[in-house]
Amino acid sequence: MSVAPSGPIMAQRELIGSYGSYEEAQKVVDHLSDHGFPVSGTLIVGTGLHSLERVLARMTHLRAAGWGAAGGAWFGVLIGLFLAIFSTTAAAGLPLVLWGLLWGAVAGAVFGLISHAMLRGQRDFISESALVADRYDVLVESEHAARAHELLRGMTG
């Protein structure tokens, strides 16, 4: 069952096409834009939204320590750079940055391990989340719909 778009945002707009992926809908809008179409009122509307979580890997103690160390190292470098601003020479500032990197990595690794251990196996995986739709409708302002249809007839691919 499909529900037609409605509401104040959808008013005065006409459907010019439905596509199976966001990339296809984006390609259509890009094609219209490349041919001088006024795309400022164009909408890409995803319908049938789903939350998708892709599991990438198992979270191990080693991974937790590694990710913690990487994040801590960045923070340590930033602190080291901040302190290096106040040093008299560049040669005096370099050890501050290196010590910041080292101690940040150590502290980050420890924090990563402790954080992972405190979860007690409740979330032992790494994942990425996305919001996906079954269909992506492209709508343009009604006054420009005929021109959009004309431009899309000449679209290849």
Protein backbone atom coordinates (compact mmCIF):
# COMPACT_ATOMS: atom_id res chain seq x y z
CA MET A 1 0.00 0.00 0.00
CA SER A 2 1.41 3.39 -0.97
CA VAL A 3 0.56 6.66 0.68
CA ALA A 4 0.57 9.75 -1.51
CA PRO A 5 2.71 12.61 -0.26
CA SER A 6 0.66 15.34 1.36
CA GLY A 7 0.97 18.36 3.59
CA PRO A 8 2.09 21.95 3.14
CA ILE A 9 5.58 21.05 1.92
CA MET A 10 4.18 18.73 -0.74
CA ALA A 11 1.48 21.17 -1.92
CA GLN A 12 1.97 22.61 -5.38
CA ARG A 13 4.47 19.90 -6.33
CA GLU A 14 4.21 17.13 -8.89
CA LEU A 15 5.83 13.70 -8.91
CA ILE A 16 8.21 13.33 -11.84
CA GLY A 17 9.62 9.92 -10.97
CA SER A 18 10.14 7.17 -8.37
CA TYR A 19 13.49 5.45 -7.94
CA GLY A 20 14.79 2.44 -6.06
CA SER A 21 17.85 4.16 -4.60
CA TYR A 22 18.77 7.60 -3.36
CA GLU A 23 21.66 7.72 -5.82
CA GLU A 24 19.24 7.34 -8.78
CA ALA A 25 17.01 10.15 -7.48
CA GLN A 26 20.07 12.32 -6.86
CA LYS A 27 21.29 11.65 -10.41
CA VAL A 28 17.92 12.85 -11.77
CA VAL A 29 18.07 16.09 -9.78
CA ASP A 30 21.69 16.59 -10.85
CA HIS A 31 20.68 16.09 -14.49
CA LEU A 32 17.94 18.69 -14.13
CA SER A 33 20.36 21.11 -12.48
CA ASP A 34 22.99 20.59 -15.20
CA HIS A 35 20.40 21.62 -17.80
CA GLY A 36 19.42 24.87 -16.11
CA PHE A 37 16.27 23.61 -14.38
CA PRO A 38 15.31 25.64 -11.27
CA VAL A 39 15.95 22.91 -8.69
CA SER A 40 15.53 25.09 -5.59
CA GLY A 41 11.98 23.80 -4.97
CA THR A 42 12.73 20.16 -5.81
CA LEU A 43 12.20 17.47 -3.17
CA ILE A 44 13.58 13.95 -2.84
CA VAL A 45 11.16 12.11 -0.58
CA GLY A 46 12.02 8.72 0.89
CA THR A 47 9.01 6.52 1.59
CA GLY A 48 8.90 3.24 3.47
CA LEU A 49 11.73 4.19 5.83
CA HIS A 50 13.72 1.50 7.66
CA SER A 51 16.53 1.67 10.17
CA LEU A 52 19.41 -0.50 8.98
CA GLU A 53 22.30 -1.51 11.22
CA ARG A 54 25.16 -3.36 9.54
CA VAL A 55 27.39 -5.38 11.87
CA LEU A 56 30.99 -4.94 10.78
CA ALA A 57 33.08 -6.87 13.29
CA ARG A 58 33.32 -8.27 16.78
CA MET A 59 34.52 -5.82 19.44
CA THR A 60 37.47 -7.40 21.21
CA HIS A 61 39.60 -6.12 24.08
CA LEU A 62 42.39 -5.44 21.60
CA ARG A 63 40.09 -3.42 19.30
CA ALA A 64 38.70 -1.46 22.24
CA ALA A 65 42.22 -0.61 23.38
CA GLY A 66 43.29 0.27 19.83
CA TRP A 67 40.36 2.59 19.17
CA GLY A 68 40.80 4.16 22.60
CA ALA A 69 44.52 4.66 21.93
CA ALA A 70 43.83 6.30 18.56
CA GLY A 71 41.29 8.71 20.05
CA GLY A 72 43.54 9.44 23.02
CA ALA A 73 46.53 10.05 20.74
CA TRP A 74 44.60 12.71 18.81
CA PHE A 75 43.54 14.39 22.04
CA GLY A 76 47.11 14.18 23.36
CA VAL A 77 48.50 15.77 20.18
CA LEU A 78 46.02 18.63 20.50
CA ILE A 79 47.03 19.22 24.13
CA GLY A 80 50.71 19.01 23.15
CA LEU A 81 50.19 21.53 20.34
CA PHE A 82 48.40 23.87 22.72
CA LEU A 83 51.26 23.68 25.19
CA ALA A 84 53.84 24.03 22.38
CA ILE A 85 52.37 27.44 21.52
CA PHE A 86 53.89 28.74 24.75
CA SER A 87 57.35 27.26 24.16
CA THR A 88 60.20 29.55 23.17
CA THR A 89 61.39 27.54 20.14
CA ALA A 90 60.01 24.93 17.81
CA ALA A 91 62.59 22.43 19.08
CA ALA A 92 61.26 22.91 22.61
CA GLY A 93 57.66 22.40 21.46
CA LEU A 94 58.22 19.10 19.63
CA PRO A 95 58.80 17.02 22.79
CA LEU A 96 55.56 18.42 24.23
CA VAL A 97 53.63 17.23 21.20
CA LEU A 98 55.28 13.80 21.27
CA TRP A 99 54.68 13.38 25.03
CA GLY A 100 51.07 14.44 24.50
CA LEU A 101 50.71 11.83 21.77
CA LEU A 102 52.29 9.09 23.89
CA TRP A 103 50.38 9.78 27.12
CA GLY A 104 47.14 10.40 25.22
CA ALA A 105 47.47 7.01 23.50
CA VAL A 106 48.19 5.25 26.80
CA ALA A 107 45.31 6.95 28.62
CA GLY A 108 42.97 6.33 25.67
CA ALA A 109 43.87 2.63 25.52
CA VAL A 110 43.24 2.23 29.25
CA PHE A 111 39.95 4.10 29.01
CA GLY A 112 38.91 2.02 25.97
CA LEU A 113 39.64 -1.23 27.80
CA ILE A 114 37.78 -0.14 30.94
CA SER A 115 34.78 1.06 28.93
CA HIS A 116 34.59 -2.21 27.00
CA ALA A 117 34.97 -4.30 30.16
CA MET A 118 32.18 -2.38 31.92
CA LEU A 119 29.72 -3.37 29.17
CA ARG A 120 30.21 -7.04 30.17
CA GLY A 121 29.49 -8.41 26.73
CA GLN A 122 26.23 -6.52 26.18
CA ARG A 123 27.44 -4.93 22.95
CA ASP A 124 30.37 -6.95 21.66
CA PHE A 125 30.19 -5.77 18.06
CA ILE A 126 30.97 -2.78 15.88
CA SER A 127 28.25 -1.56 13.55
CA GLU A 128 27.14 1.31 11.37
CA SER A 129 23.58 2.60 11.20
CA ALA A 130 21.67 4.11 8.30
CA LEU A 131 18.16 5.19 7.47
CA VAL A 132 17.04 3.71 4.13
CA ALA A 133 13.81 3.92 2.15
CA ASP A 134 12.00 1.50 -0.14
CA ARG A 135 11.48 4.21 -2.72
CA TYR A 136 12.65 7.77 -3.42
CA ASP A 137 10.21 10.11 -5.15
CA VAL A 138 11.38 13.24 -6.93
CA LEU A 139 8.88 16.09 -6.82
CA VAL A 140 9.16 19.48 -8.51
CA GLU A 141 7.04 22.60 -8.31
CA SER A 142 3.93 22.10 -10.45
CA GLU A 143 4.66 25.10 -12.66
CA HIS A 144 7.98 23.51 -13.75
CA ALA A 145 6.80 19.88 -14.05
CA ALA A 146 6.38 19.89 -17.84
CA ARG A 147 9.94 21.18 -18.32
CA ALA A 148 11.26 18.53 -15.91
CA HIS A 149 9.51 15.73 -17.82
CA GLU A 150 10.94 17.11 -21.06
CA LEU A 151 14.49 17.15 -19.68
CA LEU A 152 14.17 13.64 -18.24
CA ARG A 153 13.08 12.22 -21.60
CA GLY A 154 16.49 13.19 -22.93
CA MET A 155 18.36 11.64 -19.98
CA THR A 156 20.50 8.61 -20.77
CA GLY A 157 21.50 5.98 -18.22
